[in-house]
């Protein structure tokens, strides 16, 4: 189910520049560095934002289990994203997390 939510969110973001429609885009399996994006534990909470300020939107995925955050940088374009392998979001020297449970 979480994959569907992730795909729907990204579909909505991709469609944001297109004409407004009542229809959702069909889901697609997202990959980063040639591997399907997945969480180790529980549900995923995706967020799309230009984290590195290069003008293209990147992907942050929060993981329910442990509250870990992963960033997938976009080396492509907003229209044709090419996501790099995920790296843990860091808060100082330790892994950044969000409340979970």
PDB file of N, CA and C in Angstrom:
ATOM      1  N   UNK A   1       0.821  -1.196   0.000  1.00  0.00           N
ATOM      2  CA  UNK A   1       0.000   0.000   0.000  1.00  0.00           C
ATOM      3  C   UNK A   1       0.863   1.258   0.000  1.00  0.00           C
ATOM      4  N   UNK A   2       1.968   1.253   0.758  1.00  0.00           N
ATOM      5  CA  UNK A   2       2.818   2.440   0.816  1.00  0.00           C
ATOM      6  C   UNK A   2       3.386   2.769  -0.535  1.00  0.00           C
ATOM      7  N   UNK A   3       3.703   1.717  -1.323  1.00  0.00           N
ATOM      8  CA  UNK A   3       4.258   1.996  -2.656  1.00  0.00           C
ATOM      9  C   UNK A   3       3.254   2.758  -3.498  1.00  0.00           C
ATOM     10  N   UNK A   4       1.984   2.371  -3.368  1.00  0.00           N
ATOM     11  CA  UNK A   4       0.942   3.068  -4.112  1.00  0.00           C
ATOM     12  C   UNK A   4       0.909   4.532  -3.697  1.00  0.00           C
ATOM     13  N   UNK A   5       0.998   4.800  -2.386  1.00  0.00           N
ATOM     14  CA  UNK A   5       0.981   6.195  -1.920  1.00  0.00           C
ATOM     15  C   UNK A   5       2.177   6.954  -2.474  1.00  0.00           C
ATOM     16  N   UNK A   6       3.343   6.328  -2.471  1.00  0.00           N
ATOM     17  CA  UNK A   6       4.540   6.963  -3.002  1.00  0.00           C
ATOM     18  C   UNK A   6       4.372   7.276  -4.478  1.00  0.00           C
ATOM     19  N   UNK A   7       3.835   6.326  -5.209  1.00  0.00           N
ATOM     20  CA  UNK A   7       3.663   6.517  -6.644  1.00  0.00           C
ATOM     21  C   UNK A   7       2.617   7.578  -6.934  1.00  0.00           C
ATOM     22  N   UNK A   8       1.548   7.592  -6.163  1.00  0.00           N
ATOM     23  CA  UNK A   8       0.500   8.594  -6.361  1.00  0.00           C
ATOM     24  C   UNK A   8       1.047   9.989  -6.079  1.00  0.00           C
ATOM     25  N   UNK A   9       1.796  10.156  -4.991  1.00  0.00           N
ATOM     26  CA  UNK A   9       2.370  11.464  -4.660  1.00  0.00           C
ATOM     27  C   UNK A   9       3.263  11.940  -5.789  1.00  0.00           C
ATOM     28  N   UNK A  10       4.133  11.067  -6.271  1.00  0.00           N
ATOM     29  CA  UNK A  10       5.028  11.470  -7.347  1.00  0.00           C
ATOM     30  C   UNK A  10       4.261  11.727  -8.636  1.00  0.00           C
ATOM     31  N   UNK A  11       3.199  10.959  -8.868  1.00  0.00           N
ATOM     32  CA  UNK A  11       2.358  11.209 -10.035  1.00  0.00           C
ATOM     33  C   UNK A  11       1.703  12.573  -9.961  1.00  0.00           C
ATOM     34  N   UNK A  12       1.268  12.949  -8.763  1.00  0.00           N
ATOM     35  CA  UNK A  12       0.666  14.269  -8.586  1.00  0.00           C
ATOM     36  C   UNK A  12       1.683  15.374  -8.788  1.00  0.00           C
ATOM     37  N   UNK A  13       2.887  15.163  -8.269  1.00  0.00           N
ATOM     38  CA  UNK A  13       3.941  16.162  -8.444  1.00  0.00           C
ATOM     39  C   UNK A  13       4.289  16.304  -9.915  1.00  0.00           C
ATOM     40  N   UNK A  14       4.416  15.187 -10.611  1.00  0.00           N
ATOM     41  CA  UNK A  14       4.754  15.231 -12.031  1.00  0.00           C
ATOM     42  C   UNK A  14       3.653  15.926 -12.827  1.00  0.00           C
ATOM     43  N   UNK A  15       2.408  15.731 -12.391  1.00  0.00           N
ATOM     44  CA  UNK A  15       1.286  16.325 -13.109  1.00  0.00           C
ATOM     45  C   UNK A  15       1.066  17.787 -12.737  1.00  0.00           C
ATOM     46  N   UNK A  16       1.768  18.275 -11.726  1.00  0.00           N
ATOM     47  CA  UNK A  16       1.537  19.646 -11.253  1.00  0.00           C
ATOM     48  C   UNK A  16       1.749  20.679 -12.357  1.00  0.00           C
ATOM     49  N   UNK A  17       2.697  20.427 -13.245  1.00  0.00           N
ATOM     50  CA  UNK A  17       2.958  21.362 -14.329  1.00  0.00           C
ATOM     51  C   UNK A  17       2.010  21.176 -15.500  1.00  0.00           C
ATOM     52  N   UNK A  18       1.254  20.094 -15.502  1.00  0.00           N
ATOM     53  CA  UNK A  18       0.324  19.798 -16.593  1.00  0.00           C
ATOM     54  C   UNK A  18      -1.044  20.418 -16.281  1.00  0.00           C
ATOM     55  N   UNK A  19      -1.947  20.290 -17.228  1.00  0.00           N
ATOM     56  CA  UNK A  19      -3.295  20.788 -17.029  1.00  0.00           C
ATOM     57  C   UNK A  19      -3.946  20.056 -15.854  1.00  0.00           C
ATOM     58  N   UNK A  20      -4.809  20.743 -15.119  1.00  0.00           N
ATOM     59  CA  UNK A  20      -5.493  20.151 -13.980  1.00  0.00           C
ATOM     60  C   UNK A  20      -6.467  19.100 -14.480  1.00  0.00           C
ATOM     61  N   UNK A  21      -6.495  17.955 -13.779  1.00  0.00           N
ATOM     62  CA  UNK A  21      -7.361  16.860 -14.180  1.00  0.00           C
ATOM     63  C   UNK A  21      -7.915  16.170 -12.942  1.00  0.00           C
ATOM     64  N   UNK A  22      -9.075  15.526 -13.102  1.00  0.00           N
ATOM     65  CA  UNK A  22      -9.651  14.719 -12.029  1.00  0.00           C
ATOM     66  C   UNK A  22      -9.035  13.325 -12.000  1.00  0.00           C
ATOM     67  N   UNK A  23      -8.271  12.978 -12.992  1.00  0.00           N
ATOM     68  CA  UNK A  23      -7.694  11.647 -13.129  1.00  0.00           C
ATOM     69  C   UNK A  23      -6.302  11.588 -12.525  1.00  0.00           C
ATOM     70  N   UNK A  24      -5.973  10.479 -11.874  1.00  0.00           N
ATOM     71  CA  UNK A  24      -4.619  10.242 -11.396  1.00  0.00           C
ATOM     72  C   UNK A  24      -3.834   9.508 -12.472  1.00  0.00           C
ATOM     73  N   UNK A  25      -2.550   9.736 -12.497  1.00  0.00           N
ATOM     74  CA  UNK A  25      -1.696   9.011 -13.427  1.00  0.00           C
ATOM     75  C   UNK A  25      -1.578   7.571 -12.944  1.00  0.00           C
ATOM     76  N   UNK A  26      -1.384   6.624 -13.851  1.00  0.00           N
ATOM     77  CA  UNK A  26      -1.223   5.241 -13.410  1.00  0.00           C
ATOM     78  C   UNK A  26       0.060   5.076 -12.606  1.00  0.00           C
ATOM     79  N   UNK A  27       0.065   4.174 -11.618  1.00  0.00           N
ATOM     80  CA  UNK A  27       1.261   3.983 -10.798  1.00  0.00           C
ATOM     81  C   UNK A  27       2.399   3.357 -11.592  1.00  0.00           C
ATOM     82  N   UNK A  28       3.599   3.685 -11.166  1.00  0.00           N
ATOM     83  CA  UNK A  28       4.808   3.073 -11.731  1.00  0.00           C
ATOM     84  C   UNK A  28       5.714   2.692 -10.563  1.00  0.00           C
ATOM     85  N   UNK A  29       6.543   1.695 -10.759  1.00  0.00           N
ATOM     86  CA  UNK A  29       7.493   1.285  -9.726  1.00  0.00           C
ATOM     87  C   UNK A  29       8.693   2.204  -9.821  1.00  0.00           C
ATOM     88  N   UNK A  30       9.024   2.879  -8.724  1.00  0.00           N
ATOM     89  CA  UNK A  30      10.142   3.813  -8.721  1.00  0.00           C
ATOM     90  C   UNK A  30      11.450   3.105  -8.418  1.00  0.00           C
ATOM     91  N   UNK A  31      12.480   3.515  -9.136  1.00  0.00           N
ATOM     92  CA  UNK A  31      13.803   2.960  -8.923  1.00  0.00           C
ATOM     93  C   UNK A  31      14.787   4.084  -8.631  1.00  0.00           C
ATOM     94  N   UNK A  32      15.813   3.726  -7.871  1.00  0.00           N
ATOM     95  CA  UNK A  32      16.920   4.632  -7.601  1.00  0.00           C
ATOM     96  C   UNK A  32      18.187   3.820  -7.783  1.00  0.00           C
ATOM     97  N   UNK A  33      19.079   4.282  -8.639  1.00  0.00           N
ATOM     98  CA  UNK A  33      20.332   3.577  -8.935  1.00  0.00           C
ATOM     99  C   UNK A  33      20.073   2.135  -9.366  1.00  0.00           C
ATOM    100  N   UNK A  34      19.015   1.924 -10.151  1.00  0.00           N
ATOM    101  CA  UNK A  34      18.723   0.609 -10.698  1.00  0.00           C
ATOM    102  C   UNK A  34      18.018  -0.358  -9.763  1.00  0.00           C
ATOM    103  N   UNK A  35      17.641   0.087  -8.556  1.00  0.00           N
ATOM    104  CA  UNK A  35      16.955  -0.785  -7.600  1.00  0.00           C
ATOM    105  C   UNK A  35      15.624  -0.170  -7.204  1.00  0.00           C
ATOM    106  N   UNK A  36      14.625  -1.029  -6.979  1.00  0.00           N
ATOM    107  CA  UNK A  36      13.315  -0.555  -6.555  1.00  0.00           C
ATOM    108  C   UNK A  36      13.434   0.091  -5.181  1.00  0.00           C
ATOM    109  N   UNK A  37      12.810   1.252  -5.014  1.00  0.00           N
ATOM    110  CA  UNK A  37      12.799   1.927  -3.717  1.00  0.00           C
ATOM    111  C   UNK A  37      11.865   1.161  -2.792  1.00  0.00           C
ATOM    112  N   UNK A  38      12.382   0.831  -1.616  1.00  0.00           N
ATOM    113  CA  UNK A  38      11.628   0.039  -0.649  1.00  0.00           C
ATOM    114  C   UNK A  38      12.034   0.483   0.745  1.00  0.00           C
ATOM    115  N   UNK A  39      11.198   0.199   1.736  1.00  0.00           N
ATOM    116  CA  UNK A  39      11.561   0.459   3.125  1.00  0.00           C
ATOM    117  C   UNK A  39      11.835  -0.866   3.804  1.00  0.00           C
ATOM    118  N   UNK A  40      12.698  -0.845   4.810  1.00  0.00           N
ATOM    119  CA  UNK A  40      13.015  -2.064   5.544  1.00  0.00           C
ATOM    120  C   UNK A  40      11.860  -2.501   6.425  1.00  0.00           C
ATOM    121  N   UNK A  41      11.196  -1.538   7.059  1.00  0.00           N
ATOM    122  CA  UNK A  41      10.155  -1.842   8.036  1.00  0.00           C
ATOM    123  C   UNK A  41       8.978  -0.896   7.820  1.00  0.00           C
ATOM    124  N   UNK A  42       7.792  -1.432   7.751  1.00  0.00           N
ATOM    125  CA  UNK A  42       6.582  -0.624   7.775  1.00  0.00           C
ATOM    126  C   UNK A  42       6.321   0.196   6.532  1.00  0.00           C
ATOM    127  N   UNK A  43       5.573   1.251   6.721  1.00  0.00           N
ATOM    128  CA  UNK A  43       5.110   2.112   5.635  1.00  0.00           C
ATOM    129  C   UNK A  43       6.117   3.201   5.309  1.00  0.00           C
ATOM    130  N   UNK A  44       6.020   3.733   4.105  1.00  0.00           N
ATOM    131  CA  UNK A  44       6.868   4.835   3.677  1.00  0.00           C
ATOM    132  C   UNK A  44       6.058   6.131   3.674  1.00  0.00           C
ATOM    133  N   UNK A  45       6.736   7.219   3.935  1.00  0.00           N
ATOM    134  CA  UNK A  45       6.125   8.541   3.879  1.00  0.00           C
ATOM    135  C   UNK A  45       6.978   9.401   2.953  1.00  0.00           C
ATOM    136  N   UNK A  46       6.572   9.537   1.682  1.00  0.00           N
ATOM    137  CA  UNK A  46       7.386  10.287   0.717  1.00  0.00           C
ATOM    138  C   UNK A  46       7.153  11.791   0.787  1.00  0.00           C
ATOM    139  N   UNK A  47       8.184  12.530   0.416  1.00  0.00           N
ATOM    140  CA  UNK A  47       8.108  13.983   0.322  1.00  0.00           C
ATOM    141  C   UNK A  47       9.028  14.412  -0.812  1.00  0.00           C
ATOM    142  N   UNK A  48       8.533  15.218  -1.721  1.00  0.00           N
ATOM    143  CA  UNK A  48       9.297  15.667  -2.873  1.00  0.00           C
ATOM    144  C   UNK A  48       9.667  17.131  -2.676  1.00  0.00           C
ATOM    145  N   UNK A  49      10.967  17.439  -2.828  1.00  0.00           N
ATOM    146  CA  UNK A  49      11.467  18.793  -2.601  1.00  0.00           C
ATOM    147  C   UNK A  49      12.867  18.906  -3.206  1.00  0.00           C
ATOM    148  N   UNK A  50      13.262  20.090  -3.601  1.00  0.00           N
ATOM    149  CA  UNK A  50      14.613  20.306  -4.125  1.00  0.00           C
ATOM    150  C   UNK A  50      15.567  20.511  -2.945  1.00  0.00           C
ATOM    151  N   UNK A  51      16.087  19.424  -2.401  1.00  0.00           N
ATOM    152  CA  UNK A  51      16.930  19.487  -1.209  1.00  0.00           C
ATOM    153  C   UNK A  51      18.296  20.112  -1.462  1.00  0.00           C
ATOM    154  N   UNK A  52      18.841  19.931  -2.652  1.00  0.00           N
ATOM    155  CA  UNK A  52      20.202  20.428  -2.901  1.00  0.00           C
ATOM    156  C   UNK A  52      20.235  21.724  -3.702  1.00  0.00           C
ATOM    157  N   UNK A  53      19.083  22.327  -3.977  1.00  0.00           N
ATOM    158  CA  UNK A  53      19.015  23.633  -4.610  1.00  0.00           C
ATOM    159  C   UNK A  53      19.453  23.682  -6.062  1.00  0.00           C
ATOM    160  N   UNK A  54      19.394  22.538  -6.766  1.00  0.00           N
ATOM    161  CA  UNK A  54      19.835  22.519  -8.159  1.00  0.00           C
ATOM    162  C   UNK A  54      18.693  22.711  -9.160  1.00  0.00           C
ATOM    163  N   UNK A  55      17.481  22.996  -8.662  1.00  0.00           N
ATOM    164  CA  UNK A  55      16.355  23.267  -9.552  1.00  0.00           C
ATOM    165  C   UNK A  55      15.528  22.048  -9.925  1.00  0.00           C
ATOM    166  N   UNK A  56      15.932  20.847  -9.498  1.00  0.00           N
ATOM    167  CA  UNK A  56      15.132  19.641  -9.748  1.00  0.00           C
ATOM    168  C   UNK A  56      14.741  19.027  -8.408  1.00  0.00           C
ATOM    169  N   UNK A  57      13.546  18.453  -8.384  1.00  0.00           N
ATOM    170  CA  UNK A  57      13.023  17.920  -7.138  1.00  0.00           C
ATOM    171  C   UNK A  57      13.629  16.564  -6.804  1.00  0.00           C
ATOM    172  N   UNK A  58      14.027  16.420  -5.543  1.00  0.00           N
ATOM    173  CA  UNK A  58      14.573  15.184  -5.018  1.00  0.00           C
ATOM    174  C   UNK A  58      13.473  14.491  -4.214  1.00  0.00           C
ATOM    175  N   UNK A  59      13.769  13.291  -3.728  1.00  0.00           N
ATOM    176  CA  UNK A  59      12.786  12.515  -2.984  1.00  0.00           C
ATOM    177  C   UNK A  59      13.319  12.195  -1.601  1.00  0.00           C
ATOM    178  N   UNK A  60      12.520  12.474  -0.580  1.00  0.00           N
ATOM    179  CA  UNK A  60      12.819  12.048   0.780  1.00  0.00           C
ATOM    180  C   UNK A  60      11.777  11.009   1.141  1.00  0.00           C
ATOM    181  N   UNK A  61      12.215   9.886   1.716  1.00  0.00           N
ATOM    182  CA  UNK A  61      11.285   8.842   2.135  1.00  0.00           C
ATOM    183  C   UNK A  61      11.497   8.592   3.621  1.00  0.00           C
ATOM    184  N   UNK A  62      10.448   8.821   4.398  1.00  0.00           N
ATOM    185  CA  UNK A  62      10.460   8.503   5.816  1.00  0.00           C
ATOM    186  C   UNK A  62       9.965   7.089   5.998  1.00  0.00           C
ATOM    187  N   UNK A  63      10.578   6.369   6.919  1.00  0.00           N
ATOM    188  CA  UNK A  63      10.243   4.968   7.160  1.00  0.00           C
ATOM    189  C   UNK A  63       9.567   4.849   8.512  1.00  0.00           C
ATOM    190  N   UNK A  64       8.406   4.216   8.558  1.00  0.00           N
ATOM    191  CA  UNK A  64       7.661   4.066   9.804  1.00  0.00           C
ATOM    192  C   UNK A  64       8.503   3.337  10.856  1.00  0.00           C
ATOM    193  N   UNK A  65       9.112   2.231  10.490  1.00  0.00           N
ATOM    194  CA  UNK A  65       9.933   1.470  11.421  1.00  0.00           C
ATOM    195  C   UNK A  65      11.231   2.204  11.721  1.00  0.00           C
ATOM    196  N   UNK A  66      11.398   2.694  12.931  1.00  0.00           N
ATOM    197  CA  UNK A  66      12.614   3.389  13.319  1.00  0.00           C
ATOM    198  C   UNK A  66      12.633   4.857  12.969  1.00  0.00           C
ATOM    199  N   UNK A  67      11.694   5.313  12.160  1.00  0.00           N
ATOM    200  CA  UNK A  67      11.623   6.721  11.797  1.00  0.00           C
ATOM    201  C   UNK A  67      12.775   7.218  10.940  1.00  0.00           C
ATOM    202  N   UNK A  68      13.513   6.291  10.298  1.00  0.00           N
ATOM    203  CA  UNK A  68      14.646   6.691   9.460  1.00  0.00           C
ATOM    204  C   UNK A  68      14.198   7.493   8.253  1.00  0.00           C
ATOM    205  N   UNK A  69      15.053   8.404   7.803  1.00  0.00           N
ATOM    206  CA  UNK A  69      14.800   9.229   6.624  1.00  0.00           C
ATOM    207  C   UNK A  69      15.868   8.938   5.579  1.00  0.00           C
ATOM    208  N   UNK A  70      15.441   8.749   4.342  1.00  0.00           N
ATOM    209  CA  UNK A  70      16.351   8.492   3.225  1.00  0.00           C
ATOM    210  C   UNK A  70      16.150   9.557   2.166  1.00  0.00           C
ATOM    211  N   UNK A  71      17.242  10.079   1.617  1.00  0.00           N
ATOM    212  CA  UNK A  71      17.171  11.062   0.531  1.00  0.00           C
ATOM    213  C   UNK A  71      17.676  10.417  -0.747  1.00  0.00           C
ATOM    214  N   UNK A  72      16.896  10.586  -1.811  1.00  0.00           N
ATOM    215  CA  UNK A  72      17.257  10.129  -3.156  1.00  0.00           C
ATOM    216  C   UNK A  72      17.390  11.377  -4.018  1.00  0.00           C
ATOM    217  N   UNK A  73      18.599  11.730  -4.384  1.00  0.00           N
ATOM    218  CA  UNK A  73      18.822  12.938  -5.190  1.00  0.00           C
ATOM    219  C   UNK A  73      18.462  12.656  -6.650  1.00  0.00           C
ATOM    220  N   UNK A  74      17.902  13.656  -7.287  1.00  0.00           N
ATOM    221  CA  UNK A  74      17.495  13.565  -8.678  1.00  0.00           C
ATOM    222  C   UNK A  74      18.590  14.147  -9.561  1.00  0.00           C
ATOM    223  N   UNK A  75      19.234  13.301 -10.341  1.00  0.00           N
ATOM    224  CA  UNK A  75      20.258  13.767 -11.282  1.00  0.00           C
ATOM    225  C   UNK A  75      19.687  13.949 -12.681  1.00  0.00           C
ATOM    226  N   UNK A  76      18.385  13.746 -12.823  1.00  0.00           N
ATOM    227  CA  UNK A  76      17.713  13.941 -14.099  1.00  0.00           C
ATOM    228  C   UNK A  76      17.028  15.290 -14.120  1.00  0.00           C
ATOM    229  N   UNK A  77      15.806  15.290 -14.605  1.00  0.00           N
ATOM    230  CA  UNK A  77      14.999  16.511 -14.661  1.00  0.00           C
ATOM    231  C   UNK A  77      13.714  16.273 -13.876  1.00  0.00           C
ATOM    232  N   UNK A  78      12.921  17.328 -13.701  1.00  0.00           N
ATOM    233  CA  UNK A  78      11.624  17.137 -13.045  1.00  0.00           C
ATOM    234  C   UNK A  78      10.708  16.276 -13.907  1.00  0.00           C
ATOM    235  N   UNK A  79      10.795  16.422 -15.220  1.00  0.00           N
ATOM    236  CA  UNK A  79       9.959  15.644 -16.129  1.00  0.00           C
ATOM    237  C   UNK A  79      10.441  14.202 -16.261  1.00  0.00           C
ATOM    238  N   UNK A  80      11.761  13.994 -16.191  1.00  0.00           N
ATOM    239  CA  UNK A  80      12.338  12.659 -16.311  1.00  0.00           C
ATOM    240  C   UNK A  80      13.378  12.468 -15.203  1.00  0.00           C
ATOM    241  N   UNK A  81      12.894  12.169 -13.976  1.00  0.00           N
ATOM    242  CA  UNK A  81      13.821  12.033 -12.858  1.00  0.00           C
ATOM    243  C   UNK A  81      14.732  10.816 -12.988  1.00  0.00           C
ATOM    244  N   UNK A  82      15.945  10.963 -12.500  1.00  0.00           N
ATOM    245  CA  UNK A  82      16.905   9.858 -12.395  1.00  0.00           C
ATOM    246  C   UNK A  82      17.448   9.915 -10.976  1.00  0.00           C
ATOM    247  N   UNK A  83      16.918   9.037 -10.111  1.00  0.00           N
ATOM    248  CA  UNK A  83      17.238   9.080  -8.700  1.00  0.00           C
ATOM    249  C   UNK A  83      18.500   8.290  -8.388  1.00  0.00           C
ATOM    250  N   UNK A  84      19.344   8.874  -7.531  1.00  0.00           N
ATOM    251  CA  UNK A  84      20.563   8.203  -7.081  1.00  0.00           C
ATOM    252  C   UNK A  84      20.210   7.243  -5.950  1.00  0.00           C
ATOM    253  N   UNK A  85      21.158   6.412  -5.565  1.00  0.00           N
ATOM    254  CA  UNK A  85      20.954   5.523  -4.422  1.00  0.00           C
ATOM    255  C   UNK A  85      20.629   6.351  -3.188  1.00  0.00           C
ATOM    256  N   UNK A  86      19.771   5.838  -2.333  1.00  0.00           N
ATOM    257  CA  UNK A  86      19.379   6.560  -1.131  1.00  0.00           C
ATOM    258  C   UNK A  86      20.513   6.645  -0.121  1.00  0.00           C
ATOM    259  N   UNK A  87      20.570   7.791   0.547  1.00  0.00           N
ATOM    260  CA  UNK A  87      21.510   7.979   1.653  1.00  0.00           C
ATOM    261  C   UNK A  87      20.695   8.429   2.859  1.00  0.00           C
ATOM    262  N   UNK A  88      21.132   8.010   4.033  1.00  0.00           N
ATOM    263  CA  UNK A  88      20.419   8.409   5.242  1.00  0.00           C
ATOM    264  C   UNK A  88      20.561   9.910   5.458  1.00  0.00           C
ATOM    265  N   UNK A  89      19.460  10.523   5.833  1.00  0.00           N
ATOM    266  CA  UNK A  89      19.454  11.925   6.212  1.00  0.00           C
ATOM    267  C   UNK A  89      20.185  12.027   7.552  1.00  0.00           C
ATOM    268  N   UNK A  90      21.103  12.957   7.651  1.00  0.00           N
ATOM    269  CA  UNK A  90      21.900  13.092   8.868  1.00  0.00           C
ATOM    270  C   UNK A  90      21.518  14.352   9.628  1.00  0.00           C
ATOM    271  N   UNK A  91      21.450  14.222  10.933  1.00  0.00           N
ATOM    272  CA  UNK A  91      21.213  15.338  11.850  1.00  0.00           C
ATOM    273  C   UNK A  91      22.480  15.486  12.672  1.00  0.00           C
ATOM    274  N   UNK A  92      23.392  16.314  12.202  1.00  0.00           N
ATOM    275  CA  UNK A  92      24.714  16.367  12.825  1.00  0.00           C
ATOM    276  C   UNK A  92      25.460  15.099  12.472  1.00  0.00           C
ATOM    277  N   UNK A  93      25.950  14.371  13.443  1.00  0.00           N
ATOM    278  CA  UNK A  93      26.680  13.143  13.186  1.00  0.00           C
ATOM    279  C   UNK A  93      25.824  11.896  13.248  1.00  0.00           C
ATOM    280  N   UNK A  94      24.562  12.028  13.682  1.00  0.00           N
ATOM    281  CA  UNK A  94      23.720  10.834  13.810  1.00  0.00           C
ATOM    282  C   UNK A  94      22.615  10.832  12.758  1.00  0.00           C
ATOM    283  N   UNK A  95      21.992   9.653  12.578  1.00  0.00           N
ATOM    284  CA  UNK A  95      20.894   9.528  11.614  1.00  0.00           C
ATOM    285  C   UNK A  95      19.717  10.395  12.051  1.00  0.00           C
ATOM    286  N   UNK A  96      19.206  11.200  11.127  1.00  0.00           N
ATOM    287  CA  UNK A  96      18.003  11.982  11.403  1.00  0.00           C
ATOM    288  C   UNK A  96      16.796  11.064  11.397  1.00  0.00           C
ATOM    289  N   UNK A  97      15.879  11.275  12.307  1.00  0.00           N
ATOM    290  CA  UNK A  97      14.661  10.465  12.389  1.00  0.00           C
ATOM    291  C   UNK A  97      13.457  11.364  12.629  1.00  0.00           C
ATOM    292  N   UNK A  98      12.304  10.785  12.441  1.00  0.00           N
ATOM    293  CA  UNK A  98      11.042  11.438  12.754  1.00  0.00           C
ATOM    294  C   UNK A  98      10.322  10.584  13.788  1.00  0.00           C
ATOM    295  N   UNK A  99       9.365  11.166  14.517  1.00  0.00           N
ATOM    296  CA  UNK A  99       8.628  10.364  15.492  1.00  0.00           C
ATOM    297  C   UNK A  99       7.977   9.150  14.815  1.00  0.00           C
ATOM    298  N   UNK A 100       8.000   8.048  15.484  1.00  0.00           N
ATOM    299  CA  UNK A 100       7.465   6.809  14.927  1.00  0.00           C
ATOM    300  C   UNK A 100       6.873   5.974  16.042  1.00  0.00           C
ATOM    301  N   UNK A 101       6.178   4.912  15.668  1.00  0.00           N
ATOM    302  CA  UNK A 101       5.686   4.026  16.712  1.00  0.00           C
ATOM    303  C   UNK A 101       4.363   3.461  16.491  1.00  0.00           C
TER     304      UNK A 101
END
